[in-house]
Every structure is written in structure tokens, then in C-alpha cells.
Amino acid sequence: MSRYNIIILIAVMVIPAYNALGDDGVLTITPGMYKITGTTRTNLDEKPQVKTSEVCIPVAEIRPETMLPDKDTCSIANIKSSDNKASFDLECKGPDEASSLKGKAEYSTTPDSFKFKFNLDGTTAGKEIKVSSDGSAKRTGDCP
């Protein structure tokens, strides 16, 4: 997994997915447009990557798989949740046997906002990599 792929992986952390994993980790939120700002740090980059985007969240829930960078190559285990917080273990496989990332993710919601963070360790292209990301989102209005 290249450094570029890791940045893409992080950039899509909050795009909603619609797979069903059951109700563990499902948190409620008000549907609408959300301004999301996230900061990602890796041991391969000198300075953090900051990304801001606006996305429509059309449903009243955020599920653990919403946080997956890629539902085909990443998996979730050990989901734990309470009323407005959830956490889980995360593993993402790279394009070859030697590339993988493992770590933990957590997120929390209020009716009009959410926060997320995760830490991943692994290897990519024969190099050890550490990735940490955190961010927040605030509802800005209704979806178009």
C-alpha cells in the first residue's frame, strides 16, 4: 500500500457505506450536510495532511463500516458501543502479502456532529508505517 493509497484511505474514512453488521456500534445523528475536517499523520511524512470536505449523510445513523476505508480490503472486529460512542479493531490488507495495517478506531456522535480517530500500524512496500488520524464533523444544513 503506497503512501498515496494511505492518504486516500484516510480521506474516505467518513463516506457512508450501507452494509449491515447488526446494531453494534450504530450511533444516531441528524441527517444532513456535514463539514468534515480531518488531520492525518504518518511516520513517512514530515507534516500532517489536513483535509476538509462537505458530505451529505442521508441517514440517521453512523455504522462502524462507515469508518472503513475500503469495505473489500478492511475488516472490523471487537465492536464496543454505548449511547454515543463506539470503538472497534480494524485491519486492512494491502495489494500484496507484505502490506497490511492493523489498529483501533473510535467515533462519537451528538445530534449535529461527530468525531473520529484511529491509529494503524503495519507495513507497506517493505517499510514500517504508523498512521494516526482524527477529525470532527459539524452539520451545516440539509442535503441538497
N, C-alpha and C. Protein backbone atom coordinates (compact mmCIF):
# COMPACT_ATOMS: atom_id res chain seq x y z
N MET A 1 0.86 -1.17 0.00
CA MET A 1 0.00 0.00 0.00
C MET A 1 0.90 1.23 0.00
N SER A 2 0.79 2.06 -0.99
CA SER A 2 1.64 3.23 -1.10
C SER A 2 1.17 4.34 -0.16
N ARG A 3 2.04 5.31 0.01
CA ARG A 3 1.70 6.45 0.85
C ARG A 3 0.47 7.16 0.28
N TYR A 4 0.37 7.25 -1.05
CA TYR A 4 -0.79 7.85 -1.69
C TYR A 4 -2.06 7.08 -1.34
N ASN A 5 -1.99 5.75 -1.38
CA ASN A 5 -3.17 4.95 -1.04
C ASN A 5 -3.58 5.14 0.41
N ILE A 6 -2.62 5.33 1.28
CA ILE A 6 -2.94 5.55 2.69
C ILE A 6 -3.66 6.88 2.86
N ILE A 7 -3.22 7.90 2.15
CA ILE A 7 -3.89 9.20 2.24
C ILE A 7 -5.31 9.09 1.69
N ILE A 8 -5.49 8.38 0.58
CA ILE A 8 -6.83 8.15 0.04
C ILE A 8 -7.66 7.37 1.05
N LEU A 9 -7.06 6.35 1.65
CA LEU A 9 -7.73 5.53 2.65
C LEU A 9 -8.28 6.43 3.76
N ILE A 10 -7.48 7.35 4.20
CA ILE A 10 -7.90 8.23 5.29
C ILE A 10 -8.95 9.23 4.82
N ALA A 11 -8.81 9.71 3.60
CA ALA A 11 -9.74 10.70 3.08
C ALA A 11 -11.16 10.18 2.99
N VAL A 12 -11.32 8.88 2.82
CA VAL A 12 -12.67 8.33 2.68
C VAL A 12 -13.20 7.72 3.96
N MET A 13 -12.53 7.97 5.06
CA MET A 13 -12.95 7.35 6.32
C MET A 13 -14.39 7.66 6.71
N VAL A 14 -14.93 8.75 6.28
CA VAL A 14 -16.26 9.12 6.74
C VAL A 14 -17.31 9.11 5.66
N ILE A 15 -17.01 8.53 4.51
CA ILE A 15 -18.04 8.42 3.47
C ILE A 15 -18.96 7.28 3.85
N PRO A 16 -20.25 7.51 3.91
CA PRO A 16 -21.16 6.47 4.37
C PRO A 16 -21.15 5.23 3.49
N ALA A 17 -21.20 4.09 4.16
CA ALA A 17 -21.37 2.79 3.49
C ALA A 17 -22.69 2.22 3.99
N TYR A 18 -23.24 1.26 3.29
CA TYR A 18 -24.56 0.78 3.66
C TYR A 18 -24.62 -0.72 3.89
N ASN A 19 -23.53 -1.34 4.29
CA ASN A 19 -23.55 -2.75 4.65
C ASN A 19 -24.14 -2.88 6.04
N ALA A 20 -24.75 -4.00 6.32
CA ALA A 20 -25.31 -4.22 7.65
C ALA A 20 -24.41 -5.15 8.44
N LEU A 21 -24.00 -4.73 9.62
CA LEU A 21 -23.22 -5.56 10.52
C LEU A 21 -24.01 -5.82 11.79
N GLY A 22 -25.26 -5.49 11.83
CA GLY A 22 -26.02 -5.58 13.05
C GLY A 22 -26.06 -4.21 13.71
N ASP A 23 -26.57 -4.15 14.94
CA ASP A 23 -26.74 -2.86 15.58
C ASP A 23 -25.57 -2.46 16.48
N ASP A 24 -24.59 -3.35 16.68
CA ASP A 24 -23.43 -2.97 17.47
C ASP A 24 -22.71 -1.81 16.81
N GLY A 25 -22.44 -0.80 17.57
CA GLY A 25 -21.68 0.33 17.05
C GLY A 25 -22.49 1.33 16.26
N VAL A 26 -23.78 1.14 16.10
CA VAL A 26 -24.60 2.08 15.33
C VAL A 26 -24.93 3.27 16.24
N LEU A 27 -24.56 4.47 15.79
CA LEU A 27 -24.82 5.68 16.54
C LEU A 27 -25.74 6.58 15.74
N THR A 28 -26.58 7.33 16.43
CA THR A 28 -27.54 8.19 15.73
C THR A 28 -26.97 9.58 15.49
N ILE A 29 -27.45 10.18 14.41
CA ILE A 29 -27.04 11.52 14.02
C ILE A 29 -28.18 12.11 13.18
N THR A 30 -28.26 13.41 13.13
CA THR A 30 -29.28 14.07 12.29
C THR A 30 -28.81 14.05 10.84
N PRO A 31 -29.62 13.53 9.92
CA PRO A 31 -29.21 13.54 8.51
C PRO A 31 -28.99 14.98 8.03
N GLY A 32 -28.09 15.12 7.07
CA GLY A 32 -27.84 16.44 6.50
C GLY A 32 -26.44 16.57 5.95
N MET A 33 -26.09 17.79 5.59
CA MET A 33 -24.74 18.11 5.10
C MET A 33 -23.83 18.30 6.31
N TYR A 34 -22.63 17.74 6.22
CA TYR A 34 -21.65 17.84 7.30
C TYR A 34 -20.32 18.35 6.75
N LYS A 35 -19.75 19.33 7.42
CA LYS A 35 -18.40 19.79 7.10
C LYS A 35 -17.46 18.97 7.97
N ILE A 36 -16.57 18.23 7.31
CA ILE A 36 -15.67 17.31 7.99
C ILE A 36 -14.25 17.79 7.83
N THR A 37 -13.55 17.89 8.94
CA THR A 37 -12.13 18.25 8.91
C THR A 37 -11.36 17.14 9.62
N GLY A 38 -10.37 16.61 8.93
CA GLY A 38 -9.56 15.54 9.50
C GLY A 38 -8.08 15.82 9.31
N THR A 39 -7.30 15.36 10.26
CA THR A 39 -5.84 15.50 10.21
C THR A 39 -5.23 14.12 10.29
N THR A 40 -4.32 13.83 9.37
CA THR A 40 -3.67 12.54 9.32
C THR A 40 -2.17 12.72 9.42
N ARG A 41 -1.56 11.88 10.25
CA ARG A 41 -0.12 11.91 10.42
C ARG A 41 0.44 10.51 10.14
N THR A 42 1.58 10.44 9.47
CA THR A 42 2.28 9.18 9.30
C THR A 42 3.76 9.42 9.61
N ASN A 43 4.44 8.34 9.92
CA ASN A 43 5.88 8.45 10.16
C ASN A 43 6.65 8.62 8.84
N LEU A 44 5.97 8.53 7.70
CA LEU A 44 6.61 8.70 6.40
C LEU A 44 6.50 10.12 5.87
N ASP A 45 5.71 10.96 6.51
CA ASP A 45 5.53 12.34 6.08
C ASP A 45 6.04 13.29 7.16
N GLU A 46 6.62 14.39 6.73
CA GLU A 46 7.13 15.37 7.69
C GLU A 46 6.02 16.18 8.32
N LYS A 47 5.00 16.51 7.55
CA LYS A 47 3.93 17.31 8.12
C LYS A 47 2.59 16.60 7.94
N PRO A 48 1.65 16.88 8.83
CA PRO A 48 0.33 16.24 8.76
C PRO A 48 -0.44 16.68 7.51
N GLN A 49 -1.31 15.81 7.06
CA GLN A 49 -2.22 16.10 5.96
C GLN A 49 -3.55 16.54 6.57
N VAL A 50 -4.05 17.69 6.19
CA VAL A 50 -5.34 18.19 6.69
C VAL A 50 -6.29 18.23 5.50
N LYS A 51 -7.47 17.67 5.70
CA LYS A 51 -8.46 17.65 4.62
C LYS A 51 -9.79 18.11 5.19
N THR A 52 -10.45 18.99 4.45
CA THR A 52 -11.79 19.44 4.80
C THR A 52 -12.70 19.15 3.61
N SER A 53 -13.86 18.61 3.90
CA SER A 53 -14.82 18.32 2.83
C SER A 53 -16.23 18.45 3.39
N GLU A 54 -17.18 18.54 2.47
CA GLU A 54 -18.59 18.52 2.86
C GLU A 54 -19.23 17.32 2.22
N VAL A 55 -19.95 16.55 3.03
CA VAL A 55 -20.63 15.37 2.52
C VAL A 55 -22.07 15.36 3.02
N CYS A 56 -22.92 14.72 2.25
CA CYS A 56 -24.31 14.52 2.65
C CYS A 56 -24.39 13.19 3.37
N ILE A 57 -24.90 13.20 4.56
CA ILE A 57 -25.19 11.97 5.29
C ILE A 57 -26.71 11.86 5.29
N PRO A 58 -27.26 11.00 4.41
CA PRO A 58 -28.70 10.97 4.21
C PRO A 58 -29.48 10.11 5.20
N VAL A 59 -28.79 9.40 6.08
CA VAL A 59 -29.46 8.51 7.02
C VAL A 59 -29.19 8.98 8.44
N ALA A 60 -30.01 8.53 9.38
CA ALA A 60 -29.92 8.98 10.76
C ALA A 60 -28.99 8.12 11.60
N GLU A 61 -28.01 7.50 10.97
CA GLU A 61 -27.10 6.65 11.73
C GLU A 61 -25.72 6.61 11.09
N ILE A 62 -24.75 6.38 11.95
CA ILE A 62 -23.39 6.10 11.50
C ILE A 62 -23.06 4.71 12.02
N ARG A 63 -22.67 3.83 11.11
CA ARG A 63 -22.34 2.45 11.43
C ARG A 63 -20.82 2.28 11.43
N PRO A 64 -20.32 1.25 12.10
CA PRO A 64 -18.87 1.02 12.09
C PRO A 64 -18.29 0.95 10.69
N GLU A 65 -18.98 0.29 9.76
CA GLU A 65 -18.45 0.16 8.41
C GLU A 65 -18.38 1.50 7.68
N THR A 66 -19.08 2.53 8.19
CA THR A 66 -18.96 3.87 7.64
C THR A 66 -17.51 4.34 7.77
N MET A 67 -16.84 3.88 8.81
CA MET A 67 -15.47 4.30 9.08
C MET A 67 -14.44 3.50 8.30
N LEU A 68 -14.85 2.44 7.60
CA LEU A 68 -13.89 1.64 6.85
C LEU A 68 -13.35 2.39 5.64
N PRO A 69 -12.07 2.36 5.44
CA PRO A 69 -11.50 2.99 4.26
C PRO A 69 -11.87 2.23 2.98
N ASP A 70 -11.98 0.91 3.06
CA ASP A 70 -12.32 0.09 1.90
C ASP A 70 -12.99 -1.17 2.40
N LYS A 71 -14.27 -1.33 2.11
CA LYS A 71 -15.01 -2.48 2.64
C LYS A 71 -14.55 -3.81 2.06
N ASP A 72 -13.84 -3.79 0.92
CA ASP A 72 -13.36 -5.02 0.32
C ASP A 72 -12.04 -5.50 0.92
N THR A 73 -11.22 -4.59 1.43
CA THR A 73 -9.92 -4.99 1.95
C THR A 73 -9.76 -4.78 3.45
N CYS A 74 -10.74 -4.18 4.10
CA CYS A 74 -10.66 -3.92 5.53
C CYS A 74 -11.74 -4.68 6.27
N SER A 75 -11.42 -5.05 7.50
CA SER A 75 -12.39 -5.77 8.32
C SER A 75 -12.43 -5.19 9.73
N ILE A 76 -13.54 -5.45 10.41
CA ILE A 76 -13.82 -4.94 11.74
C ILE A 76 -13.95 -6.12 12.70
N ALA A 77 -13.46 -5.94 13.92
CA ALA A 77 -13.64 -6.94 14.97
C ALA A 77 -13.79 -6.22 16.31
N ASN A 78 -14.34 -6.91 17.29
CA ASN A 78 -14.43 -6.40 18.66
C ASN A 78 -15.13 -5.05 18.78
N ILE A 79 -16.31 -4.93 18.18
CA ILE A 79 -17.07 -3.69 18.27
C ILE A 79 -17.59 -3.51 19.69
N LYS A 80 -17.39 -2.32 20.22
CA LYS A 80 -17.92 -1.96 21.54
C LYS A 80 -18.63 -0.63 21.38
N SER A 81 -19.80 -0.49 22.01
CA SER A 81 -20.50 0.77 21.88
C SER A 81 -21.34 1.08 23.11
N SER A 82 -21.60 2.37 23.27
CA SER A 82 -22.52 2.88 24.28
C SER A 82 -23.47 3.81 23.55
N ASP A 83 -24.17 4.66 24.28
CA ASP A 83 -25.17 5.53 23.66
C ASP A 83 -24.62 6.41 22.54
N ASN A 84 -23.46 7.03 22.75
CA ASN A 84 -22.96 7.94 21.73
C ASN A 84 -21.48 7.71 21.37
N LYS A 85 -20.91 6.56 21.75
CA LYS A 85 -19.52 6.25 21.45
C LYS A 85 -19.41 4.82 20.98
N ALA A 86 -18.48 4.59 20.06
CA ALA A 86 -18.22 3.23 19.58
C ALA A 86 -16.74 3.09 19.27
N SER A 87 -16.25 1.87 19.37
CA SER A 87 -14.86 1.59 19.01
C SER A 87 -14.77 0.18 18.44
N PHE A 88 -13.71 -0.07 17.69
CA PHE A 88 -13.50 -1.40 17.13
C PHE A 88 -12.06 -1.55 16.68
N ASP A 89 -11.66 -2.82 16.52
CA ASP A 89 -10.37 -3.13 15.93
C ASP A 89 -10.54 -3.12 14.42
N LEU A 90 -9.49 -2.74 13.72
CA LEU A 90 -9.55 -2.56 12.28
C LEU A 90 -8.32 -3.20 11.66
N GLU A 91 -8.52 -3.93 10.55
CA GLU A 91 -7.39 -4.49 9.81
C GLU A 91 -7.63 -4.29 8.32
N CYS A 92 -6.62 -3.78 7.62
CA CYS A 92 -6.70 -3.55 6.18
C CYS A 92 -5.55 -4.28 5.50
N LYS A 93 -5.88 -5.06 4.51
CA LYS A 93 -4.88 -5.79 3.73
C LYS A 93 -4.48 -4.96 2.53
N GLY A 94 -3.19 -4.97 2.21
CA GLY A 94 -2.69 -4.27 1.04
C GLY A 94 -2.74 -5.15 -0.18
N PRO A 95 -2.18 -4.66 -1.28
CA PRO A 95 -2.24 -5.40 -2.54
C PRO A 95 -1.36 -6.65 -2.54
N ASP A 96 -0.44 -6.77 -1.58
CA ASP A 96 0.38 -7.97 -1.51
C ASP A 96 0.43 -8.47 -0.08
N GLU A 97 0.96 -9.67 0.12
CA GLU A 97 1.00 -10.30 1.45
C GLU A 97 1.78 -9.46 2.47
N ALA A 98 2.76 -8.70 2.01
CA ALA A 98 3.63 -7.96 2.92
C ALA A 98 3.04 -6.61 3.36
N SER A 99 1.90 -6.24 2.84
CA SER A 99 1.30 -4.95 3.18
C SER A 99 0.02 -5.15 3.97
N SER A 100 0.00 -4.64 5.18
CA SER A 100 -1.22 -4.68 5.97
C SER A 100 -1.12 -3.63 7.07
N LEU A 101 -2.28 -3.20 7.53
CA LEU A 101 -2.38 -2.23 8.61
C LEU A 101 -3.36 -2.76 9.63
N LYS A 102 -3.02 -2.65 10.91
CA LYS A 102 -3.92 -3.06 11.99
C LYS A 102 -3.96 -1.94 13.01
N GLY A 103 -5.12 -1.80 13.65
CA GLY A 103 -5.22 -0.78 14.67
C GLY A 103 -6.60 -0.69 15.28
N LYS A 104 -6.87 0.47 15.84
CA LYS A 104 -8.13 0.71 16.52
C LYS A 104 -8.76 2.00 16.00
N ALA A 105 -10.08 2.00 15.98
CA ALA A 105 -10.83 3.19 15.57
C ALA A 105 -11.89 3.48 16.62
N GLU A 106 -12.21 4.73 16.78
CA GLU A 106 -13.32 5.10 17.66
C GLU A 106 -14.00 6.33 17.11
N TYR A 107 -15.27 6.45 17.44
CA TYR A 107 -16.03 7.61 17.00
C TYR A 107 -17.14 7.88 17.99
N SER A 108 -17.62 9.12 17.96
CA SER A 108 -18.70 9.52 18.86
C SER A 108 -19.58 10.52 18.11
N THR A 109 -20.83 10.61 18.56
CA THR A 109 -21.78 11.50 17.91
C THR A 109 -22.55 12.33 18.92
N THR A 110 -23.02 13.47 18.45
CA THR A 110 -24.07 14.24 19.10
C THR A 110 -25.14 14.35 18.01
N PRO A 111 -26.29 14.92 18.27
CA PRO A 111 -27.29 15.01 17.21
C PRO A 111 -26.79 15.71 15.94
N ASP A 112 -25.90 16.71 16.07
CA ASP A 112 -25.47 17.50 14.91
C ASP A 112 -23.96 17.49 14.67
N SER A 113 -23.26 16.50 15.23
CA SER A 113 -21.81 16.45 15.00
C SER A 113 -21.30 15.04 15.27
N PHE A 114 -20.08 14.78 14.81
CA PHE A 114 -19.40 13.56 15.20
C PHE A 114 -17.90 13.77 15.19
N LYS A 115 -17.20 12.93 15.92
CA LYS A 115 -15.74 12.94 15.99
C LYS A 115 -15.26 11.54 15.70
N PHE A 116 -14.04 11.44 15.17
CA PHE A 116 -13.46 10.13 14.92
C PHE A 116 -11.96 10.19 15.12
N LYS A 117 -11.37 9.04 15.40
CA LYS A 117 -9.92 8.93 15.44
C LYS A 117 -9.55 7.47 15.27
N PHE A 118 -8.38 7.26 14.72
CA PHE A 118 -7.88 5.90 14.60
C PHE A 118 -6.37 5.93 14.56
N ASN A 119 -5.80 4.78 14.92
CA ASN A 119 -4.37 4.55 14.88
C ASN A 119 -4.14 3.22 14.20
N LEU A 120 -3.26 3.20 13.22
CA LEU A 120 -2.93 1.98 12.49
C LEU A 120 -1.42 1.81 12.44
N ASP A 121 -0.98 0.58 12.56
CA ASP A 121 0.43 0.22 12.40
C ASP A 121 0.51 -0.90 11.39
N GLY A 122 1.59 -0.94 10.63
CA GLY A 122 1.75 -2.02 9.68
C GLY A 122 2.95 -1.83 8.79
N THR A 123 2.88 -2.47 7.63
CA THR A 123 3.95 -2.37 6.66
C THR A 123 3.37 -2.05 5.30
N THR A 124 4.14 -1.32 4.53
CA THR A 124 3.79 -1.04 3.15
C THR A 124 5.08 -0.91 2.35
N ALA A 125 5.15 -1.58 1.25
CA ALA A 125 6.34 -1.57 0.39
C ALA A 125 7.60 -1.86 1.19
N GLY A 126 7.49 -2.79 2.15
CA GLY A 126 8.64 -3.19 2.95
C GLY A 126 9.02 -2.22 4.05
N LYS A 127 8.27 -1.16 4.25
CA LYS A 127 8.57 -0.18 5.29
C LYS A 127 7.53 -0.25 6.39
N GLU A 128 7.97 -0.03 7.62
CA GLU A 128 7.02 0.07 8.72
C GLU A 128 6.32 1.42 8.62
N ILE A 129 5.04 1.39 8.92
CA ILE A 129 4.27 2.62 8.85
C ILE A 129 3.36 2.74 10.06
N LYS A 130 3.24 3.94 10.54
CA LYS A 130 2.31 4.29 11.61
C LYS A 130 1.43 5.42 11.08
N VAL A 131 0.13 5.24 11.22
CA VAL A 131 -0.83 6.23 10.74
C VAL A 131 -1.75 6.58 11.90
N SER A 132 -1.94 7.85 12.13
CA SER A 132 -2.94 8.29 13.10
C SER A 132 -3.77 9.38 12.45
N SER A 133 -5.04 9.36 12.74
CA SER A 133 -5.93 10.35 12.16
C SER A 133 -7.01 10.71 13.18
N ASP A 134 -7.40 11.95 13.17
CA ASP A 134 -8.53 12.38 13.99
C ASP A 134 -9.24 13.50 13.26
N GLY A 135 -10.49 13.65 13.59
CA GLY A 135 -11.26 14.69 12.94
C GLY A 135 -12.61 14.88 13.57
N SER A 136 -13.31 15.84 13.03
CA SER A 136 -14.65 16.14 13.53
C SER A 136 -15.51 16.63 12.38
N ALA A 137 -16.80 16.55 12.60
CA ALA A 137 -17.77 16.99 11.59
C ALA A 137 -18.88 17.76 12.29
N LYS A 138 -19.36 18.78 11.62
CA LYS A 138 -20.45 19.59 12.14
C LYS A 138 -21.52 19.72 11.05
N ARG A 139 -22.75 19.52 11.42
CA ARG A 139 -23.87 19.64 10.47
C ARG A 139 -23.99 21.10 10.04
N THR A 140 -24.12 21.32 8.71
CA THR A 140 -24.20 22.67 8.17
C THR A 140 -25.57 22.97 7.56
N GLY A 141 -26.43 21.95 7.47
CA GLY A 141 -27.75 22.18 6.88
C GLY A 141 -28.29 20.89 6.26
N ASP A 142 -29.35 21.03 5.47
CA ASP A 142 -29.96 19.88 4.82
C ASP A 142 -29.17 19.49 3.58
N CYS A 143 -29.28 18.23 3.20
CA CYS A 143 -28.69 17.76 1.95
C CYS A 143 -29.45 18.38 0.78
N PRO A 144 -28.77 18.63 -0.34
CA PRO A 144 -29.45 19.22 -1.50
C PRO A 144 -30.48 18.26 -2.08
